[in-house]
Amino acid sequence: MRRTGSYRHPESGGEQGFWPSYADMMSAVALILFFLMLLSYIQNLVTGNDLQNTQEVLENTRLQVQLTQEQLESLTDELNLKQDQIEDYSLQIVQQTEKLEAQQQLIGQQEAYLLAANDELTDMRNQMQTIAVLRLSILEQIRESIVEVMGDASKVSIGDNGNIILSDSVLFDLGSSEIKQDSVGVLDELVEVFYKFLSDEENAKYVDSIVISGHTDITGTAQTNRDLSTDRANSVISYLLTGKNGILNDYAQYFCAAGYGATRPVASNDTEEGKAANRRIEISMILKDDTVLDIVEDYLAIELPGTELAPLPSPSPSGAA
């Protein structure tokens, strides 16, 4: 081991041992300084590398932050767009809901109307059935009464048009418009039947008129046949209003006469049988508003098609794929 400090040589008698020690010390200091500088350089080198790495990391981080910010802005724009679409969708839902409520309200009103209309039409149908039954009833009574008096059903019938058809030979001689004496009983029965029917206000309120119409065959001129048919119809009405002590006189406003001559044949005039069928008296009962009732009856026979509401469109967000 080297000693440091003063060494006095016996012969030098002075300070000669001091400088070698000082040089050694300075060398040591220099070495230390060099070592420290080396450490500082290494540290600076390491620190520089770390700083560069840190700067690179910071730059990457900055780029990532910028990218993230751009993505965030894009997402924000998309979110705003979605929000607008949701608001549009909500508005459409509200509008469709209002339309649906309006349609439901309309359906309710229509159902109420149809229910009331159905009740009214049912009542009308019942009234028409009542009228039809009354009309058929009086005509059947007339036919039965005439058959009972005559004892012969071959000369009285109810035609396809719903009229009583009475052969002219029952009431008149050929070419005459005077009531035959032996036919008075038939007309008296007609007076009784009409009186019973018209004296009932519930029946009379449906009757517009009772038409007695005369018809002939083609024998003779058209004018002669028109006159004959008209005179025969008037003769029947005259007896109806005066017979049985005039009990039908209060109901004279219901009766009217018509003469058609040979213009409305029901059979061919080429045969004697056909001509006999065409020479007739018809009794028809015209009901009030008969034409209108027929139209209503035809209407009631029609099955109305069901109405369907147009389906509501499905709302979809605007711009949605």
C-alpha atoms as a PDB file:
ATOM      1  CA  MET A   1       0.000   0.000   0.000  1.00  0.00           C
ATOM      2  CA  ARG A   2       1.132   3.419  -1.074  1.00  0.00           C
ATOM      3  CA  ARG A   3       1.331   6.055   1.532  1.00  0.00           C
ATOM      4  CA  THR A   4       0.438   9.599   0.864  1.00  0.00           C
ATOM      5  CA  GLY A   5       1.661  12.708   2.570  1.00  0.00           C
ATOM      6  CA  SER A   6       5.063  14.209   3.320  1.00  0.00           C
ATOM      7  CA  TYR A   7       8.086  12.079   3.311  1.00  0.00           C
ATOM      8  CA  ARG A   8      11.182  13.457   4.404  1.00  0.00           C
ATOM      9  CA  HIS A   9      14.182  11.696   2.920  1.00  0.00           C
ATOM     10  CA  PRO A  10      16.995  11.471   5.306  1.00  0.00           C
ATOM     11  CA  GLU A  11      19.289  12.891   2.782  1.00  0.00           C
ATOM     12  CA  SER A  12      17.048  15.419   1.096  1.00  0.00           C
ATOM     13  CA  GLY A  13      16.273  16.975   4.283  1.00  0.00           C
ATOM     14  CA  GLY A  14      13.124  18.630   2.731  1.00  0.00           C
ATOM     15  CA  GLU A  15       9.802  18.265   0.841  1.00  0.00           C
ATOM     16  CA  GLN A  16      10.719  15.934  -2.006  1.00  0.00           C
ATOM     17  CA  GLY A  17       8.109  13.256  -1.139  1.00  0.00           C
ATOM     18  CA  PHE A  18       5.137  15.640  -1.308  1.00  0.00           C
ATOM     19  CA  TRP A  19       4.779  16.103  -5.116  1.00  0.00           C
ATOM     20  CA  PRO A  20       4.518  12.517  -6.048  1.00  0.00           C
ATOM     21  CA  SER A  21       1.624  12.257  -3.677  1.00  0.00           C
ATOM     22  CA  TYR A  22      -0.006  15.388  -5.081  1.00  0.00           C
ATOM     23  CA  ALA A  23       0.308  14.102  -8.648  1.00  0.00           C
ATOM     24  CA  ASP A  24      -1.237  10.899  -7.647  1.00  0.00           C
ATOM     25  CA  MET A  25      -4.066  12.786  -6.037  1.00  0.00           C
ATOM     26  CA  MET A  26      -4.676  14.946  -9.109  1.00  0.00           C
ATOM     27  CA  SER A  27      -4.626  11.877 -11.275  1.00  0.00           C
ATOM     28  CA  ALA A  28      -7.234  10.396  -9.052  1.00  0.00           C
ATOM     29  CA  VAL A  29      -9.296  13.557  -9.204  1.00  0.00           C
ATOM     30  CA  ALA A  30      -8.947  13.678 -12.965  1.00  0.00           C
ATOM     31  CA  LEU A  31      -9.958  10.079 -13.145  1.00  0.00           C
ATOM     32  CA  ILE A  32     -12.960  10.760 -11.015  1.00  0.00           C
ATOM     33  CA  LEU A  33     -13.888  13.758 -13.110  1.00  0.00           C
ATOM     34  CA  PHE A  34     -13.498  11.697 -16.231  1.00  0.00           C
ATOM     35  CA  PHE A  35     -15.603   9.025 -14.739  1.00  0.00           C
ATOM     36  CA  LEU A  36     -18.203  11.565 -13.744  1.00  0.00           C
ATOM     37  CA  MET A  37     -18.170  13.088 -17.213  1.00  0.00           C
ATOM     38  CA  LEU A  38     -18.476   9.635 -18.696  1.00  0.00           C
ATOM     39  CA  LEU A  39     -21.410   8.938 -16.449  1.00  0.00           C
ATOM     40  CA  SER A  40     -22.901  12.294 -17.407  1.00  0.00           C
ATOM     41  CA  TYR A  41     -22.421  11.555 -21.092  1.00  0.00           C
ATOM     42  CA  ILE A  42     -23.910   8.123 -20.743  1.00  0.00           C
ATOM     43  CA  GLN A  43     -26.734   9.634 -18.755  1.00  0.00           C
ATOM     44  CA  ASN A  44     -27.238  12.330 -21.361  1.00  0.00           C
ATOM     45  CA  LEU A  45     -27.080   9.722 -24.075  1.00  0.00           C
ATOM     46  CA  VAL A  46     -29.643   7.574 -22.292  1.00  0.00           C
ATOM     47  CA  THR A  47     -31.732  10.622 -21.457  1.00  0.00           C
ATOM     48  CA  GLY A  48     -31.578  11.758 -25.103  1.00  0.00           C
ATOM     49  CA  ASN A  49     -32.732   8.394 -26.298  1.00  0.00           C
ATOM     50  CA  ASP A  50     -35.501   8.397 -23.712  1.00  0.00           C
ATOM     51  CA  LEU A  51     -36.473  11.936 -24.734  1.00  0.00           C
ATOM     52  CA  GLN A  52     -36.607  10.964 -28.404  1.00  0.00           C
ATOM     53  CA  ASN A  53     -38.640   7.916 -27.570  1.00  0.00           C
ATOM     54  CA  THR A  54     -40.849  10.042 -25.402  1.00  0.00           C
ATOM     55  CA  GLN A  55     -41.275  12.574 -28.201  1.00  0.00           C
ATOM     56  CA  GLU A  56     -42.152   9.794 -30.615  1.00  0.00           C
ATOM     57  CA  VAL A  57     -44.619   8.414 -28.113  1.00  0.00           C
ATOM     58  CA  LEU A  58     -46.042  11.877 -27.599  1.00  0.00           C
ATOM     59  CA  GLU A  59     -46.330  12.383 -31.355  1.00  0.00           C
ATOM     60  CA  ASN A  60     -48.071   9.021 -31.743  1.00  0.00           C
ATOM     61  CA  THR A  61     -50.303   9.886 -28.833  1.00  0.00           C
ATOM     62  CA  ARG A  62     -51.068  13.273 -30.386  1.00  0.00           C
ATOM     63  CA  LEU A  63     -51.940  11.579 -33.681  1.00  0.00           C
ATOM     64  CA  GLN A  64     -54.116   9.076 -31.869  1.00  0.00           C
ATOM     65  CA  VAL A  65     -55.815  11.866 -29.949  1.00  0.00           C
ATOM     66  CA  GLN A  66     -56.403  13.761 -33.203  1.00  0.00           C
ATOM     67  CA  LEU A  67     -57.777  10.619 -34.854  1.00  0.00           C
ATOM     68  CA  THR A  68     -59.921   9.903 -31.833  1.00  0.00           C
ATOM     69  CA  GLN A  69     -61.176  13.484 -31.886  1.00  0.00           C
ATOM     70  CA  GLU A  70     -62.062  13.169 -35.576  1.00  0.00           C
ATOM     71  CA  GLN A  71     -63.829   9.903 -34.891  1.00  0.00           C
ATOM     72  CA  LEU A  72     -65.622  11.532 -31.989  1.00  0.00           C
ATOM     73  CA  GLU A  73     -66.731  14.419 -34.211  1.00  0.00           C
ATOM     74  CA  SER A  74     -67.920  11.917 -36.837  1.00  0.00           C
ATOM     75  CA  LEU A  75     -69.803   9.959 -34.192  1.00  0.00           C
ATOM     76  CA  THR A  76     -71.289  13.199 -32.907  1.00  0.00           C
ATOM     77  CA  ASP A  77     -72.498  14.118 -36.386  1.00  0.00           C
ATOM     78  CA  GLU A  78     -73.909  10.632 -36.855  1.00  0.00           C
ATOM     79  CA  LEU A  79     -75.558  10.821 -33.444  1.00  0.00           C
ATOM     80  CA  ASN A  80     -77.117  14.164 -34.372  1.00  0.00           C
ATOM     81  CA  LEU A  81     -78.351  12.655 -37.626  1.00  0.00           C
ATOM     82  CA  LYS A  82     -79.802   9.686 -35.778  1.00  0.00           C
ATOM     83  CA  GLN A  83     -81.405  12.075 -33.328  1.00  0.00           C
ATOM     84  CA  ASP A  84     -83.034  13.956 -36.209  1.00  0.00           C
ATOM     85  CA  GLN A  85     -84.197  10.670 -37.703  1.00  0.00           C
ATOM     86  CA  ILE A  86     -85.609   9.593 -34.351  1.00  0.00           C
ATOM     87  CA  GLU A  87     -87.463  12.902 -34.072  1.00  0.00           C
ATOM     88  CA  ASP A  88     -88.843  12.459 -37.601  1.00  0.00           C
ATOM     89  CA  TYR A  89     -89.816   8.909 -36.761  1.00  0.00           C
ATOM     90  CA  SER A  90     -91.498  10.039 -33.555  1.00  0.00           C
ATOM     91  CA  LEU A  91     -93.380  12.736 -35.492  1.00  0.00           C
ATOM     92  CA  GLN A  92     -94.529  10.160 -38.035  1.00  0.00           C
ATOM     93  CA  ILE A  93     -95.678   7.878 -35.238  1.00  0.00           C
ATOM     94  CA  VAL A  94     -97.667  10.730 -33.703  1.00  0.00           C
ATOM     95  CA  GLN A  95     -99.219  11.557 -37.089  1.00  0.00           C
ATOM     96  CA  GLN A  96    -100.055   7.922 -37.801  1.00  0.00           C
ATOM     97  CA  THR A  97    -101.495   7.573 -34.299  1.00  0.00           C
ATOM     98  CA  GLU A  98    -103.696  10.608 -34.897  1.00  0.00           C
ATOM     99  CA  LYS A  99    -104.807   9.170 -38.247  1.00  0.00           C
ATOM    100  CA  LEU A 100    -105.532   5.824 -36.613  1.00  0.00           C
ATOM    101  CA  GLU A 101    -107.559   7.491 -33.876  1.00  0.00           C
ATOM    102  CA  ALA A 102    -109.467   9.493 -36.499  1.00  0.00           C
ATOM    103  CA  GLN A 103    -110.168   6.316 -38.468  1.00  0.00           C
ATOM    104  CA  GLN A 104    -111.263   4.490 -35.332  1.00  0.00           C
ATOM    105  CA  GLN A 105    -113.581   7.369 -34.521  1.00  0.00           C
ATOM    106  CA  LEU A 106    -114.935   7.285 -38.076  1.00  0.00           C
ATOM    107  CA  ILE A 107    -115.416   3.529 -37.826  1.00  0.00           C
ATOM    108  CA  GLY A 108    -117.333   4.031 -34.596  1.00  0.00           C
ATOM    109  CA  GLN A 109    -119.562   6.624 -36.256  1.00  0.00           C
ATOM    110  CA  GLN A 110    -120.107   4.364 -39.268  1.00  0.00           C
ATOM    111  CA  GLU A 111    -120.952   1.410 -37.041  1.00  0.00           C
ATOM    112  CA  ALA A 112    -123.469   3.537 -35.148  1.00  0.00           C
ATOM    113  CA  TYR A 113    -124.918   4.783 -38.436  1.00  0.00           C
ATOM    114  CA  LEU A 114    -125.115   1.275 -39.894  1.00  0.00           C
ATOM    115  CA  LEU A 115    -126.757  -0.003 -36.729  1.00  0.00           C
ATOM    116  CA  ALA A 116    -129.366   2.744 -36.877  1.00  0.00           C
ATOM    117  CA  ALA A 117    -129.804   2.249 -40.636  1.00  0.00           C
ATOM    118  CA  ASN A 118    -130.172  -1.488 -40.165  1.00  0.00           C
ATOM    119  CA  ASP A 119    -132.881  -0.950 -37.553  1.00  0.00           C
ATOM    120  CA  GLU A 120    -134.642   1.471 -39.885  1.00  0.00           C
ATOM    121  CA  LEU A 121    -134.372  -0.859 -42.870  1.00  0.00           C
ATOM    122  CA  THR A 122    -135.609  -3.751 -40.760  1.00  0.00           C
ATOM    123  CA  ASP A 123    -138.608  -1.670 -39.788  1.00  0.00           C
ATOM    124  CA  MET A 124    -139.186  -0.747 -43.445  1.00  0.00           C
ATOM    125  CA  ARG A 125    -138.939  -4.387 -44.456  1.00  0.00           C
ATOM    126  CA  ASN A 126    -141.473  -5.334 -41.805  1.00  0.00           C
ATOM    127  CA  GLN A 127    -143.816  -2.600 -43.024  1.00  0.00           C
ATOM    128  CA  MET A 128    -143.448  -3.754 -46.610  1.00  0.00           C
ATOM    129  CA  GLN A 129    -144.123  -7.325 -45.606  1.00  0.00           C
ATOM    130  CA  THR A 130    -147.205  -6.133 -43.756  1.00  0.00           C
ATOM    131  CA  ILE A 131    -148.369  -4.214 -46.834  1.00  0.00           C
ATOM    132  CA  ALA A 132    -147.705  -7.158 -49.129  1.00  0.00           C
ATOM    133  CA  VAL A 133    -149.635  -9.478 -46.832  1.00  0.00           C
ATOM    134  CA  LEU A 134    -152.544  -7.027 -46.652  1.00  0.00           C
ATOM    135  CA  ARG A 135    -152.639  -6.642 -50.421  1.00  0.00           C
ATOM    136  CA  LEU A 136    -152.534 -10.364 -51.006  1.00  0.00           C
ATOM    137  CA  SER A 137    -155.110 -10.893 -48.282  1.00  0.00           C
ATOM    138  CA  ILE A 138    -157.698  -8.519 -49.764  1.00  0.00           C
ATOM    139  CA  LEU A 139    -157.192  -9.885 -53.276  1.00  0.00           C
ATOM    140  CA  GLU A 140    -157.575 -13.445 -52.018  1.00  0.00           C
ATOM    141  CA  GLN A 141    -160.727 -12.445 -50.139  1.00  0.00           C
ATOM    142  CA  ILE A 142    -162.134 -10.933 -53.332  1.00  0.00           C
ATOM    143  CA  ARG A 143    -161.382 -14.072 -55.318  1.00  0.00           C
ATOM    144  CA  GLU A 144    -162.855 -16.378 -52.672  1.00  0.00           C
ATOM    145  CA  SER A 145    -165.987 -14.239 -52.337  1.00  0.00           C
ATOM    146  CA  ILE A 146    -166.586 -14.248 -56.092  1.00  0.00           C
ATOM    147  CA  VAL A 147    -165.984 -18.009 -56.318  1.00  0.00           C
ATOM    148  CA  GLU A 148    -168.363 -18.598 -53.405  1.00  0.00           C
ATOM    149  CA  VAL A 149    -171.165 -16.656 -55.084  1.00  0.00           C
ATOM    150  CA  MET A 150    -170.525 -18.030 -58.565  1.00  0.00           C
ATOM    151  CA  GLY A 151    -169.660 -21.544 -57.535  1.00  0.00           C
ATOM    152  CA  ASP A 152    -167.147 -21.535 -60.406  1.00  0.00           C
ATOM    153  CA  ALA A 153    -163.455 -20.783 -59.898  1.00  0.00           C
ATOM    154  CA  SER A 154    -162.594 -20.974 -63.584  1.00  0.00           C
ATOM    155  CA  LYS A 155    -163.711 -17.419 -64.350  1.00  0.00           C
ATOM    156  CA  VAL A 156    -161.836 -15.607 -61.592  1.00  0.00           C
ATOM    157  CA  SER A 157    -158.130 -15.725 -60.771  1.00  0.00           C
ATOM    158  CA  ILE A 158    -155.182 -13.722 -59.509  1.00  0.00           C
ATOM    159  CA  GLY A 159    -152.853 -12.859 -62.378  1.00  0.00           C
ATOM    160  CA  ASP A 160    -149.079 -12.706 -62.424  1.00  0.00           C
ATOM    161  CA  ASN A 161    -149.349  -8.937 -61.949  1.00  0.00           C
ATOM    162  CA  GLY A 162    -151.216  -9.477 -58.678  1.00  0.00           C
ATOM    163  CA  ASN A 163    -154.576  -8.300 -60.055  1.00  0.00           C
ATOM    164  CA  ILE A 164    -157.949 -10.010 -59.780  1.00  0.00           C
ATOM    165  CA  ILE A 165    -158.911 -11.143 -63.275  1.00  0.00           C
ATOM    166  CA  LEU A 166    -162.640 -11.575 -63.801  1.00  0.00           C
ATOM    167  CA  SER A 167    -164.095 -12.850 -67.089  1.00  0.00           C
ATOM    168  CA  ASP A 168    -166.380 -10.292 -68.697  1.00  0.00           C
ATOM    169  CA  SER A 169    -169.093 -12.933 -69.104  1.00  0.00           C
ATOM    170  CA  VAL A 170    -169.555 -12.959 -65.356  1.00  0.00           C
ATOM    171  CA  LEU A 171    -170.827  -9.358 -65.362  1.00  0.00           C
ATOM    172  CA  PHE A 172    -171.741  -8.476 -68.957  1.00  0.00           C
ATOM    173  CA  ASP A 173    -173.338  -9.846 -72.074  1.00  0.00           C
ATOM    174  CA  LEU A 174    -171.193  -9.839 -75.194  1.00  0.00           C
ATOM    175  CA  GLY A 175    -170.697  -6.271 -76.451  1.00  0.00           C
ATOM    176  CA  SER A 176    -172.693  -4.734 -73.554  1.00  0.00           C
ATOM    177  CA  SER A 177    -171.635  -2.517 -70.638  1.00  0.00           C
ATOM    178  CA  GLU A 178    -174.798  -3.062 -68.532  1.00  0.00           C
ATOM    179  CA  ILE A 179    -174.412  -5.183 -65.404  1.00  0.00           C
ATOM    180  CA  LYS A 180    -176.259  -8.489 -65.767  1.00  0.00           C
ATOM    181  CA  GLN A 181    -178.932  -9.004 -63.153  1.00  0.00           C
ATOM    182  CA  ASP A 182    -177.595 -12.404 -62.134  1.00  0.00           C
ATOM    183  CA  SER A 183    -174.154 -10.904 -61.426  1.00  0.00           C
ATOM    184  CA  VAL A 184    -175.424  -8.502 -58.742  1.00  0.00           C
ATOM    185  CA  GLY A 185    -174.546 -11.007 -56.026  1.00  0.00           C
ATOM    186  CA  VAL A 186    -170.909 -11.007 -57.152  1.00  0.00           C
ATOM    187  CA  LEU A 187    -170.697  -7.221 -56.972  1.00  0.00           C
ATOM    188  CA  ASP A 188    -172.448  -7.185 -53.589  1.00  0.00           C
ATOM    189  CA  GLU A 189    -169.737  -9.487 -52.269  1.00  0.00           C
ATOM    190  CA  LEU A 190    -167.119  -7.083 -53.649  1.00  0.00           C
ATOM    191  CA  VAL A 191    -168.827  -4.202 -51.824  1.00  0.00           C
ATOM    192  CA  GLU A 192    -168.720  -6.154 -48.546  1.00  0.00           C
ATOM    193  CA  VAL A 193    -165.068  -7.128 -48.943  1.00  0.00           C
ATOM    194  CA  PHE A 194    -163.926  -3.609 -49.854  1.00  0.00           C
ATOM    195  CA  TYR A 195    -165.961  -2.064 -47.047  1.00  0.00           C
ATOM    196  CA  LYS A 196    -164.488  -4.357 -44.398  1.00  0.00           C
ATOM    197  CA  PHE A 197    -161.006  -3.655 -45.684  1.00  0.00           C
ATOM    198  CA  LEU A 198    -161.246   0.122 -46.128  1.00  0.00           C
ATOM    199  CA  SER A 199    -163.158   0.739 -42.903  1.00  0.00           C
ATOM    200  CA  ASP A 200    -160.073  -0.466 -41.016  1.00  0.00           C
ATOM    201  CA  GLU A 201    -157.841   2.607 -40.831  1.00  0.00           C
ATOM    202  CA  GLU A 202    -154.766   0.431 -40.357  1.00  0.00           C
ATOM    203  CA  ASN A 203    -155.467  -1.104 -43.779  1.00  0.00           C
ATOM    204  CA  ALA A 204    -156.714   2.014 -45.540  1.00  0.00           C
ATOM    205  CA  LYS A 205    -153.589   4.025 -44.737  1.00  0.00           C
ATOM    206  CA  TYR A 206    -151.577   1.872 -47.143  1.00  0.00           C
ATOM    207  CA  VAL A 207    -154.018   2.113 -50.074  1.00  0.00           C
ATOM    208  CA  ASP A 208    -153.514   4.689 -52.783  1.00  0.00           C
ATOM    209  CA  SER A 209    -156.217   3.562 -55.208  1.00  0.00           C
ATOM    210  CA  ILE A 210    -158.352   0.650 -56.334  1.00  0.00           C
ATOM    211  CA  VAL A 211    -158.437   0.506 -60.114  1.00  0.00           C
ATOM    212  CA  ILE A 212    -161.201  -1.220 -62.059  1.00  0.00           C
ATOM    213  CA  SER A 213    -159.932  -1.679 -65.616  1.00  0.00           C
ATOM    214  CA  GLY A 214    -161.801  -3.010 -68.651  1.00  0.00           C
ATOM    215  CA  HIS A 215    -160.228  -5.007 -71.506  1.00  0.00           C
ATOM    216  CA  THR A 216    -161.599  -6.352 -74.797  1.00  0.00           C
ATOM    217  CA  ASP A 217    -160.513  -8.530 -77.686  1.00  0.00           C
ATOM    218  CA  ILE A 218    -159.740  -7.126 -81.148  1.00  0.00           C
ATOM    219  CA  THR A 219    -163.285  -7.531 -82.462  1.00  0.00           C
ATOM    220  CA  GLY A 220    -164.553  -4.146 -83.678  1.00  0.00           C
ATOM    221  CA  THR A 221    -162.663  -0.888 -84.020  1.00  0.00           C
ATOM    222  CA  ALA A 222    -160.063   0.387 -81.583  1.00  0.00           C
ATOM    223  CA  GLN A 223    -162.327   3.303 -80.592  1.00  0.00           C
ATOM    224  CA  THR A 224    -165.304   1.029 -80.010  1.00  0.00           C
ATOM    225  CA  ASN A 225    -163.200  -1.269 -77.852  1.00  0.00           C
ATOM    226  CA  ARG A 226    -161.815   1.638 -75.812  1.00  0.00           C
ATOM    227  CA  ASP A 227    -165.304   2.991 -75.230  1.00  0.00           C
ATOM    228  CA  LEU A 228    -166.691  -0.431 -74.334  1.00  0.00           C
ATOM    229  CA  SER A 229    -163.880  -1.236 -71.897  1.00  0.00           C
ATOM    230  CA  THR A 230    -164.181   2.200 -70.246  1.00  0.00           C
ATOM    231  CA  ASP A 231    -167.962   1.963 -69.959  1.00  0.00           C
ATOM    232  CA  ARG A 232    -167.726  -1.488 -68.366  1.00  0.00           C
ATOM    233  CA  ALA A 233    -165.170  -0.266 -65.799  1.00  0.00           C
ATOM    234  CA  ASN A 234    -167.373   2.713 -64.921  1.00  0.00           C
ATOM    235  CA  SER A 235    -170.434   0.466 -64.591  1.00  0.00           C
ATOM    236  CA  VAL A 236    -168.639  -1.713 -62.052  1.00  0.00           C
ATOM    237  CA  ILE A 237    -167.525   1.300 -59.999  1.00  0.00           C
ATOM    238  CA  SER A 238    -170.996   2.849 -60.127  1.00  0.00           C
ATOM    239  CA  TYR A 239    -172.506  -0.302 -58.672  1.00  0.00           C
ATOM    240  CA  LEU A 240    -169.790  -0.626 -56.018  1.00  0.00           C
ATOM    241  CA  LEU A 241    -170.481   2.914 -54.783  1.00  0.00           C
ATOM    242  CA  THR A 242    -174.276   2.595 -54.808  1.00  0.00           C
ATOM    243  CA  GLY A 243    -174.800  -1.072 -53.900  1.00  0.00           C
ATOM    244  CA  LYS A 244    -175.515  -2.169 -50.332  1.00  0.00           C
ATOM    245  CA  ASN A 245    -177.090   1.206 -49.615  1.00  0.00           C
ATOM    246  CA  GLY A 246    -173.940   3.031 -50.651  1.00  0.00           C
ATOM    247  CA  ILE A 247    -171.721   1.850 -47.785  1.00  0.00           C
ATOM    248  CA  LEU A 248    -168.653   2.430 -49.965  1.00  0.00           C
ATOM    249  CA  ASN A 249    -169.623   5.968 -50.896  1.00  0.00           C
ATOM    250  CA  ASP A 250    -167.408   7.386 -48.113  1.00  0.00           C
ATOM    251  CA  TYR A 251    -164.455   5.664 -49.756  1.00  0.00           C
ATOM    252  CA  ALA A 252    -165.181   6.799 -53.313  1.00  0.00           C
ATOM    253  CA  GLN A 253    -161.817   8.602 -53.469  1.00  0.00           C
ATOM    254  CA  TYR A 254    -160.049   5.240 -53.627  1.00  0.00           C
ATOM    255  CA  PHE A 255    -161.839   3.978 -56.758  1.00  0.00           C
ATOM    256  CA  CYS A 256    -161.024   4.827 -60.354  1.00  0.00           C
ATOM    257  CA  ALA A 257    -161.876   3.365 -63.767  1.00  0.00           C
ATOM    258  CA  ALA A 258    -159.651   2.685 -66.779  1.00  0.00           C
ATOM    259  CA  GLY A 259    -160.431   1.360 -70.231  1.00  0.00           C
ATOM    260  CA  TYR A 260    -157.637  -0.197 -72.294  1.00  0.00           C
ATOM    261  CA  GLY A 261    -159.625  -1.716 -75.127  1.00  0.00           C
ATOM    262  CA  ALA A 262    -157.606  -4.426 -76.852  1.00  0.00           C
ATOM    263  CA  THR A 263    -154.188  -2.881 -76.121  1.00  0.00           C
ATOM    264  CA  ARG A 264    -153.268  -5.246 -73.263  1.00  0.00           C
ATOM    265  CA  PRO A 265    -154.079  -8.789 -74.311  1.00  0.00           C
ATOM    266  CA  VAL A 266    -153.195 -11.715 -72.050  1.00  0.00           C
ATOM    267  CA  ALA A 267    -153.715 -14.328 -74.754  1.00  0.00           C
ATOM    268  CA  SER A 268    -153.683 -14.626 -78.527  1.00  0.00           C
ATOM    269  CA  ASN A 269    -156.622 -13.127 -80.383  1.00  0.00           C
ATOM    270  CA  ASP A 270    -156.263 -15.762 -83.100  1.00  0.00           C
ATOM    271  CA  THR A 271    -158.494 -18.203 -81.219  1.00  0.00           C
ATOM    272  CA  GLU A 272    -161.882 -17.926 -79.596  1.00  0.00           C
ATOM    273  CA  GLU A 273    -160.398 -19.110 -76.302  1.00  0.00           C
ATOM    274  CA  GLY A 274    -157.774 -16.364 -76.493  1.00  0.00           C
ATOM    275  CA  LYS A 275    -160.347 -13.720 -77.288  1.00  0.00           C
ATOM    276  CA  ALA A 276    -162.456 -14.872 -74.342  1.00  0.00           C
ATOM    277  CA  ALA A 277    -159.458 -14.557 -72.037  1.00  0.00           C
ATOM    278  CA  ASN A 278    -158.763 -11.031 -73.304  1.00  0.00           C
ATOM    279  CA  ARG A 279    -162.361  -9.905 -72.588  1.00  0.00           C
ATOM    280  CA  ARG A 280    -161.997  -9.273 -68.865  1.00  0.00           C
ATOM    281  CA  ILE A 281    -162.317  -6.947 -65.888  1.00  0.00           C
ATOM    282  CA  GLU A 282    -159.227  -6.518 -63.729  1.00  0.00           C
ATOM    283  CA  ILE A 283    -159.245  -5.275 -60.135  1.00  0.00           C
ATOM    284  CA  SER A 284    -155.925  -3.933 -58.939  1.00  0.00           C
ATOM    285  CA  MET A 285    -154.986  -2.373 -55.637  1.00  0.00           C
ATOM    286  CA  ILE A 286    -152.312   0.325 -55.859  1.00  0.00           C
ATOM    287  CA  LEU A 287    -150.459   0.879 -52.608  1.00  0.00           C
ATOM    288  CA  LYS A 288    -149.058   4.221 -51.556  1.00  0.00           C
ATOM    289  CA  ASP A 289    -145.548   4.796 -52.878  1.00  0.00           C
ATOM    290  CA  ASP A 290    -145.730   1.384 -54.507  1.00  0.00           C
ATOM    291  CA  THR A 291    -142.923   2.200 -56.933  1.00  0.00           C
ATOM    292  CA  VAL A 292    -140.693   3.505 -54.163  1.00  0.00           C
ATOM    293  CA  LEU A 293    -141.343   0.423 -52.077  1.00  0.00           C
ATOM    294  CA  ASP A 294    -140.349  -1.783 -55.006  1.00  0.00           C
ATOM    295  CA  ILE A 295    -137.104   0.155 -55.373  1.00  0.00           C
ATOM    296  CA  VAL A 296    -136.394  -0.131 -51.661  1.00  0.00           C
ATOM    297  CA  GLU A 297    -137.145  -3.853 -51.771  1.00  0.00           C
ATOM    298  CA  ASP A 298    -134.698  -4.276 -54.643  1.00  0.00           C
ATOM    299  CA  TYR A 299    -132.152  -2.261 -52.687  1.00  0.00           C
ATOM    300  CA  LEU A 300    -132.608  -4.413 -49.614  1.00  0.00           C
ATOM    301  CA  ALA A 301    -132.038  -7.510 -51.714  1.00  0.00           C
ATOM    302  CA  ILE A 302    -128.575  -6.262 -52.648  1.00  0.00           C
ATOM    303  CA  GLU A 303    -125.765  -7.411 -50.404  1.00  0.00           C
ATOM    304  CA  LEU A 304    -123.610  -4.384 -49.887  1.00  0.00           C
ATOM    305  CA  PRO A 305    -119.881  -5.110 -50.222  1.00  0.00           C
ATOM    306  CA  GLY A 306    -117.785  -4.611 -47.095  1.00  0.00           C
ATOM    307  CA  THR A 307    -115.643  -1.506 -47.033  1.00  0.00           C
ATOM    308  CA  GLU A 308    -112.016  -1.853 -46.105  1.00  0.00           C
ATOM    309  CA  LEU A 309    -109.849   0.897 -44.806  1.00  0.00           C
ATOM    310  CA  ALA A 310    -106.600   1.427 -46.614  1.00  0.00           C
ATOM    311  CA  PRO A 311    -103.714   0.107 -44.478  1.00  0.00           C
ATOM    312  CA  LEU A 312    -101.629   2.684 -42.710  1.00  0.00           C
ATOM    313  CA  PRO A 313     -98.128   3.116 -44.163  1.00  0.00           C
ATOM    314  CA  SER A 314     -95.317   1.856 -41.942  1.00  0.00           C
ATOM    315  CA  PRO A 315     -93.293   4.823 -40.733  1.00  0.00           C
ATOM    316  CA  SER A 316     -89.547   4.571 -41.294  1.00  0.00           C
ATOM    317  CA  PRO A 317     -86.774   6.960 -40.244  1.00  0.00           C
ATOM    318  CA  SER A 318     -85.776   9.233 -43.104  1.00  0.00           C
ATOM    319  CA  GLY A 319     -82.453   8.263 -44.615  1.00  0.00           C
ATOM    320  CA  ALA A 320     -82.474   4.866 -42.920  1.00  0.00           C
ATOM    321  CA  ALA A 321     -80.969   2.099 -45.011  1.00  0.00           C
END
